C-alpha atoms as a PDB file:
ATOM      1  CA  MET A   1      -0.148   0.230  -0.371  1.00  0.00           C
ATOM      2  CA  ASN A   2       1.406   3.378  -0.813  1.00  0.00           C
ATOM      3  CA  ILE A   3       2.017   6.139   2.047  1.00  0.00           C
ATOM      4  CA  THR A   4       2.553   9.389   1.275  1.00  0.00           C
ATOM      5  CA  LYS A   5       2.870  11.514   4.798  1.00  0.00           C
ATOM      6  CA  THR A   6       1.271  15.902   4.863  1.00  0.00           C
ATOM      7  CA  PRO A   7       3.469  18.220   5.481  1.00  0.00           C
ATOM      8  CA  GLU A   8       2.236  19.068   9.124  1.00  0.00           C
ATOM      9  CA  PHE A   9       2.365  15.065  10.143  1.00  0.00           C
ATOM     10  CA  LEU A  10       5.447  15.920   8.868  1.00  0.00           C
ATOM     11  CA  GLU A  11       6.332  18.865  10.973  1.00  0.00           C
ATOM     12  CA  TRP A  12       4.677  16.343  14.046  1.00  0.00           C
ATOM     13  CA  PHE A  13       6.681  13.834  13.020  1.00  0.00           C
ATOM     14  CA  LYS A  14      10.330  14.909  13.598  1.00  0.00           C
ATOM     15  CA  LYS A  15       9.591  17.088  17.434  1.00  0.00           C
ATOM     16  CA  GLU A  16       8.773  13.312  18.565  1.00  0.00           C
ATOM     17  CA  SER A  17      11.481  11.375  20.248  1.00  0.00           C
ATOM     18  CA  SER A  18      13.762   8.434  18.549  1.00  0.00           C
ATOM     19  CA  LYS A  19      11.879   5.532  20.168  1.00  0.00           C
ATOM     20  CA  SER A  20       8.606   7.336  19.695  1.00  0.00           C
ATOM     21  CA  ARG A  21       9.399   8.208  16.069  1.00  0.00           C
ATOM     22  CA  SER A  22      11.060   4.354  15.111  1.00  0.00           C
ATOM     23  CA  GLN A  23       7.621   2.848  16.704  1.00  0.00           C
ATOM     24  CA  ILE A  24       5.575   5.117  13.935  1.00  0.00           C
ATOM     25  CA  GLU A  25       7.868   4.378  11.490  1.00  0.00           C
ATOM     26  CA  SER A  26       7.067   0.923  12.528  1.00  0.00           C
ATOM     27  CA  ARG A  27       3.958   1.058  12.646  1.00  0.00           C
ATOM     28  CA  LEU A  28       3.544   2.808   9.065  1.00  0.00           C
ATOM     29  CA  LYS A  29       5.681   0.466   7.391  1.00  0.00           C
ATOM     30  CA  LEU A  30       3.535  -2.873   8.377  1.00  0.00           C
ATOM     31  CA  ILE A  31       0.754  -0.544   6.390  1.00  0.00           C
ATOM     32  CA  SER A  32       2.456  -0.300   3.942  1.00  0.00           C
ATOM     33  CA  VAL A  33       3.920  -4.491   3.365  1.00  0.00           C
ATOM     34  CA  TYR A  34       0.510  -6.163   4.363  1.00  0.00           C
ATOM     35  CA  SER A  35      -1.895  -3.894   4.435  1.00  0.00           C
ATOM     36  CA  TYR A  36      -1.483  -3.847   8.809  1.00  0.00           C
ATOM     37  CA  LEU A  37      -3.358  -1.405  10.882  1.00  0.00           C
ATOM     38  CA  GLY A  38      -2.876  -2.558  14.329  1.00  0.00           C
ATOM     39  CA  ASP A  39      -4.931  -1.066  16.750  1.00  0.00           C
ATOM     40  CA  TYR A  40      -7.060   1.908  14.668  1.00  0.00           C
ATOM     41  CA  LYS A  41     -10.944   3.562  15.091  1.00  0.00           C
ATOM     42  CA  GLY A  42     -12.797   4.273  12.005  1.00  0.00           C
ATOM     43  CA  LEU A  43     -13.438   8.043  12.796  1.00  0.00           C
ATOM     44  CA  GLY A  44     -16.837   8.415   9.611  1.00  0.00           C
ATOM     45  CA  GLY A  45     -16.062   8.321   6.253  1.00  0.00           C
ATOM     46  CA  GLN A  46     -12.660   7.752   5.093  1.00  0.00           C
ATOM     47  CA  LEU A  47     -11.262   9.081   8.267  1.00  0.00           C
ATOM     48  CA  PHE A  48      -9.904   6.584  10.755  1.00  0.00           C
ATOM     49  CA  GLU A  49      -6.688   7.018  13.794  1.00  0.00           C
ATOM     50  CA  LEU A  50      -4.339   4.385  14.474  1.00  0.00           C
ATOM     51  CA  ARG A  51      -3.804   3.990  17.974  1.00  0.00           C
ATOM     52  CA  TRP A  52      -0.823   3.427  20.879  1.00  0.00           C
ATOM     53  CA  LYS A  53      -1.597   2.507  24.026  1.00  0.00           C
ATOM     54  CA  ASN A  54       0.344   5.254  25.524  1.00  0.00           C
ATOM     55  CA  GLY A  55      -2.062   7.961  23.607  1.00  0.00           C
ATOM     56  CA  ARG A  56      -0.955   8.565  20.283  1.00  0.00           C
ATOM     57  CA  ARG A  57      -2.764   9.222  17.222  1.00  0.00           C
ATOM     58  CA  VAL A  58      -2.360   9.324  14.166  1.00  0.00           C
ATOM     59  CA  TYR A  59      -5.081  10.476  11.273  1.00  0.00           C
ATOM     60  CA  PHE A  60      -4.889   8.491   8.313  1.00  0.00           C
ATOM     61  CA  ALA A  61      -7.315   9.004   5.064  1.00  0.00           C
ATOM     62  CA  MET A  62      -7.252   6.145   3.157  1.00  0.00           C
ATOM     63  CA  LYS A  63      -8.210   6.184  -0.689  1.00  0.00           C
ATOM     64  CA  GLU A  64      -8.104   3.763  -3.765  1.00  0.00           C
ATOM     65  CA  ASP A  65      -3.944   4.423  -4.862  1.00  0.00           C
ATOM     66  CA  GLY A  66      -2.945   3.752  -0.623  1.00  0.00           C
ATOM     67  CA  CYS A  67      -3.209   5.918   2.650  1.00  0.00           C
ATOM     68  CA  LEU A  68      -2.367   9.740   3.515  1.00  0.00           C
ATOM     69  CA  VAL A  69      -1.156  10.052   7.013  1.00  0.00           C
ATOM     70  CA  LEU A  70      -2.461  13.273   7.552  1.00  0.00           C
ATOM     71  CA  LEU A  71      -1.419  14.105  10.972  1.00  0.00           C
ATOM     72  CA  GLY A  72      -0.894  12.797  15.008  1.00  0.00           C
ATOM     73  CA  GLY A  73      -1.285  14.191  18.061  1.00  0.00           C
ATOM     74  CA  TYR A  74      -1.704  11.942  21.641  1.00  0.00           C
ATOM     75  CA  LYS A  75      -5.662  12.061  22.511  1.00  0.00           C
ATOM     76  CA  ASN A  76      -5.903  14.558  25.967  1.00  0.00           C
ATOM     77  CA  GLY A  77      -4.611  17.320  23.509  1.00  0.00           C
END
């Protein structure tokens, strides 16, 4: 699956710790190679969130040609 990252996501991503970046990249690779999303929630229409136990969220939209990663954050702000 093709994954495209928005500038907003990349700006947030570069501020994350190296451990956090590694976890996010691993998850995105699973999606890219195996189309495996892991823990996620549909938010309506084509919008979804990837979820981690520590509250991290990565929001993405599904498109015909792949996945558009929109932005990241944490569930409490």
